[in-house]
Protein backbone atom coordinates (compact mmCIF):
# COMPACT_ATOMS: atom_id res chain seq x y z
CA MET A 1 -7.37 -3.27 34.43
CA LYS A 2 -3.79 -1.96 34.44
CA GLY A 3 -2.54 -5.25 35.94
CA ILE A 4 -4.30 -7.25 33.22
CA ALA A 5 -2.88 -5.06 30.46
CA THR A 6 0.62 -5.30 31.93
CA SER A 7 0.44 -9.06 32.33
CA LEU A 8 -0.60 -9.41 28.69
CA GLY A 9 2.23 -7.17 27.56
CA LEU A 10 -0.24 -4.66 26.15
CA LEU A 11 0.71 -1.62 28.20
CA LEU A 12 0.37 1.39 25.92
CA THR A 13 2.37 4.57 26.08
CA ALA A 14 0.98 7.72 24.51
CA THR A 15 3.42 10.42 23.54
CA THR A 16 2.00 13.78 22.61
CA ILE A 17 4.02 16.04 20.34
CA THR A 18 2.95 19.66 20.55
CA TRP A 19 3.36 22.59 18.19
CA GLY A 20 4.51 26.01 19.49
CA GLY A 21 1.12 27.09 20.94
CA GLY A 22 0.65 23.85 22.86
CA MET A 23 -1.89 22.36 20.44
CA PRO A 24 -1.39 18.61 20.01
CA LEU A 25 0.18 17.81 16.64
CA SER A 26 0.15 14.03 16.90
CA GLN A 27 -0.07 11.27 19.45
CA ALA A 28 1.95 8.10 18.97
CA VAL A 29 0.93 4.75 20.47
CA THR A 30 3.77 2.50 21.58
CA LEU A 31 3.46 -0.88 23.31
CA ALA A 32 5.61 -1.77 26.29
CA ASP A 33 7.89 -3.79 23.98
CA GLY A 34 8.48 -0.70 21.79
CA THR A 35 6.12 -1.62 18.94
CA VAL A 36 4.69 1.51 17.27
CA TYR A 37 1.05 1.62 16.12
CA PHE A 38 -1.02 4.16 14.22
CA VAL A 39 -3.43 6.02 16.50
CA GLN A 40 -5.89 5.98 13.59
CA SER A 41 -4.97 3.77 10.67
CA PRO A 42 -4.80 4.94 7.06
CA ARG A 43 -7.68 3.99 4.74
CA LEU A 44 -7.54 2.28 1.38
CA LEU A 45 -9.63 4.58 -0.84
CA LYS A 46 -9.49 2.79 -4.18
CA VAL A 47 -7.54 0.57 -6.54
CA THR A 48 -7.62 1.21 -10.30
CA THR A 49 -5.79 0.17 -13.45
CA THR A 50 -5.05 2.09 -16.63
CA GLN A 51 -5.74 -1.04 -18.72
CA SER A 52 -8.11 -3.87 -17.88
CA ALA A 53 -7.59 -6.16 -20.90
CA THR A 54 -5.70 -9.40 -20.45
CA TYR A 55 -2.19 -9.50 -21.97
CA ALA A 56 -2.03 -5.68 -22.08
CA TRP A 57 1.44 -4.12 -21.80
CA GLY A 58 2.16 -0.75 -20.20
CA ALA A 59 -0.56 -0.81 -17.54
CA THR A 60 -0.23 0.85 -14.14
CA TYR A 61 -2.09 -0.34 -11.03
CA TYR A 62 -2.87 2.55 -8.67
CA PHE A 63 -3.41 2.05 -4.92
CA THR A 64 -4.73 5.22 -3.25
CA LEU A 65 -4.57 5.63 0.53
CA ASP A 66 -5.67 8.35 2.91
CA VAL A 67 -3.39 9.02 5.89
CA PRO A 68 -5.65 10.85 8.38
CA GLU A 69 -4.43 13.85 10.35
CA THR A 70 -5.09 11.77 13.47
CA ALA A 71 -2.82 8.90 12.35
CA GLY A 72 -0.29 9.83 15.03
CA GLU A 73 2.63 8.57 12.91
CA PRO A 74 3.72 9.07 9.30
CA LEU A 75 3.19 6.26 6.80
CA ARG A 76 6.57 4.58 6.24
CA ARG A 77 5.77 1.47 4.21
CA VAL A 78 2.96 -0.25 2.32
CA THR A 79 2.75 -3.91 1.33
CA ILE A 80 0.50 -5.03 -1.50
CA ALA A 81 -0.17 -8.78 -1.63
CA GLN A 82 -2.00 -10.55 -4.44
CA ARG A 83 -4.55 -12.73 -2.64
CA GLU A 84 -6.72 -13.90 -5.51
CA GLY A 85 -6.33 -14.32 -9.26
CA VAL A 86 -5.20 -17.20 -11.46
CA ASP A 87 -1.93 -15.69 -12.74
CA VAL A 88 0.88 -14.58 -10.45
CA LEU A 89 1.62 -10.99 -11.45
CA ARG A 90 5.20 -9.77 -11.87
CA TYR A 91 6.20 -6.11 -11.67
CA ASP A 92 8.87 -3.83 -13.07
CA LEU A 93 9.90 -2.64 -9.60
CA ALA A 94 12.31 0.01 -10.93
CA ASP A 95 9.32 1.69 -12.60
CA SER A 96 7.29 1.98 -9.37
CA GLN A 97 6.03 5.44 -8.49
CA ALA A 98 4.19 7.34 -5.79
CA PHE A 99 2.62 10.76 -5.53
CA VAL A 100 0.51 12.85 -3.20
CA GLY A 101 -2.94 13.04 -4.75
CA GLN A 102 -5.13 10.72 -6.76
CA PRO A 103 -4.54 9.16 -10.21
CA ARG A 104 -6.77 11.79 -11.82
CA GLY A 105 -5.93 15.31 -10.78
CA LYS A 106 -2.96 17.20 -9.38
CA ARG A 107 0.04 15.09 -8.45
CA GLN A 108 3.10 15.82 -6.40
CA ALA A 109 5.82 13.20 -6.81
CA VAL A 110 6.97 11.32 -3.72
CA SER A 111 10.43 9.78 -3.39
CA LEU A 112 10.53 6.05 -2.84
CA GLY A 113 13.08 4.09 -0.88
CA GLU A 114 13.42 0.36 -1.38
CA VAL A 115 10.78 -1.43 -3.46
CA THR A 116 10.95 -5.22 -3.20
CA ALA A 117 8.91 -8.24 -4.24
CA ASP A 118 8.52 -11.67 -2.69
CA ARG A 119 7.34 -14.04 -5.42
CA LYS A 120 6.47 -16.79 -2.90
CA THR A 121 4.00 -14.63 -1.00
CA ARG A 122 3.09 -12.55 -4.09
CA THR A 123 3.82 -9.38 -2.10
CA VAL A 124 5.34 -6.06 -3.11
CA SER A 125 6.75 -3.81 -0.37
CA VAL A 126 7.06 -0.06 -1.03
CA MET A 127 9.06 2.23 1.29
CA PHE A 128 8.47 5.99 1.29
CA ASP A 129 11.54 8.17 1.68
CA PRO A 130 10.66 10.44 3.40
CA PRO A 131 7.56 8.93 5.07
CA ILE A 132 4.12 10.33 4.20
CA ALA A 133 2.96 12.84 6.82
CA PRO A 134 -0.52 12.55 8.36
CA GLY A 135 -3.22 14.52 6.58
CA GLN A 136 -2.26 13.48 3.04
CA THR A 137 -3.65 11.23 0.34
CA VAL A 138 -0.96 9.17 -1.38
CA THR A 139 -1.10 6.93 -4.45
CA VAL A 140 1.31 4.09 -5.22
CA GLY A 141 1.66 3.07 -8.88
CA LEU A 142 2.92 -0.43 -9.71
CA ARG A 143 3.83 -1.36 -13.28
CA PRO A 144 3.19 -5.03 -14.10
CA VAL A 145 5.39 -6.65 -16.72
CA ARG A 146 2.03 -7.18 -18.41
CA ASN A 147 -1.56 -7.82 -17.39
CA PRO A 148 -2.55 -11.40 -16.53
CA ASN A 149 -3.19 -13.99 -19.25
CA ILE A 150 -6.45 -15.09 -17.68
CA GLY A 151 -9.24 -12.64 -16.97
CA GLY A 152 -11.28 -12.43 -13.81
CA VAL A 153 -11.13 -10.78 -10.41
CA TYR A 154 -7.73 -10.16 -8.81
CA LEU A 155 -7.68 -9.16 -5.13
CA PHE A 156 -4.84 -7.31 -3.42
CA GLY A 157 -4.47 -7.09 0.35
CA VAL A 158 -2.99 -3.75 1.43
CA THR A 159 -1.16 -3.27 4.75
CA ALA A 160 0.25 0.02 6.08
CA PHE A 161 3.17 0.43 8.49
CA PRO A 162 4.01 3.54 10.56
CA GLU A 163 7.48 4.98 10.95
CA GLY A 164 9.65 3.33 13.59
CA GLU A 165 12.15 0.54 14.13
CA GLN A 166 9.57 -1.95 15.40
CA THR A 167 6.12 -1.37 13.92
CA HIS A 168 2.74 -3.04 13.69
CA GLY A 169 1.24 -3.28 10.21
CA GLN A 170 -2.41 -2.33 9.90
CA PHE A 171 -4.36 -4.32 7.30
CA LEU A 172 -6.46 -1.83 5.32
CA GLY A 173 -8.55 -4.24 3.28
CA TYR A 174 -8.68 -5.61 -0.24
CA GLY A 175 -8.44 -3.77 -3.52
CA ARG A 176 -10.15 -5.38 -6.50
CA LEU A 177 -9.15 -5.28 -10.16
CA GLN A 178 -11.22 -6.93 -12.89
CA PHE A 179 -9.44 -8.04 -16.05
CA TYR A 180 -11.34 -8.87 -19.22
CA GLU A 181 -10.38 -11.22 -22.02
CA ALA A 182 -9.10 -9.12 -24.91
CA ARG A 183 -10.93 -9.66 -28.22
CA ASP A 184 -7.74 -10.76 -29.97
CA ALA A 185 -5.96 -12.24 -26.96
CA TRP A 186 -5.92 -15.83 -28.25
CA PHE A 187 -4.62 -14.74 -31.67
CA PHE A 188 -1.75 -12.77 -30.16
CA ARG A 189 -0.88 -15.48 -27.64
CA ASP A 190 -0.78 -18.15 -30.33
CA ARG A 191 1.51 -16.00 -32.49
CA TRP A 192 3.73 -15.17 -29.49
CA PHE A 193 4.26 -18.76 -28.32
CA HIS A 194 4.44 -20.57 -31.72
């Protein structure tokens, strides 16, 4: 078995970090080529929006993740990619936010590093600075320039990356937002564009 794993380049190294009394604190998984993996991946708990009407300004899209105590590595980066939906959403990246906790309830602000967007792939990348330690629930808030023009279901693929120079992203699943046609959307759009 070891020979097969080595020949495929999948040899794993487990490093155990212990706390004073010898109790394991975390266990990192590293491939032979140095790629770092989560021992147990974070989970996407929910995706919500503060406003679900089309054309709405001032909305925030919240992506809430759980980083389990057994993750083995802190959460360094999250990518959020729009996979479905007619309109391509644009964000005010400077207004991005993150906090420990959920959208409703106690919040503790988290500092963000670089927040970037790739319009071609419809992906936003959010770096945590410092990374999110295992055992915490973290929420990322993205501010769209405005909600989409066309209602319907919009799907967002969420991928988490551990701390490290060379890391493997773990796809956590899809978050779903439903946008509804605003009662006066056509009136406002016609006035805006004419």
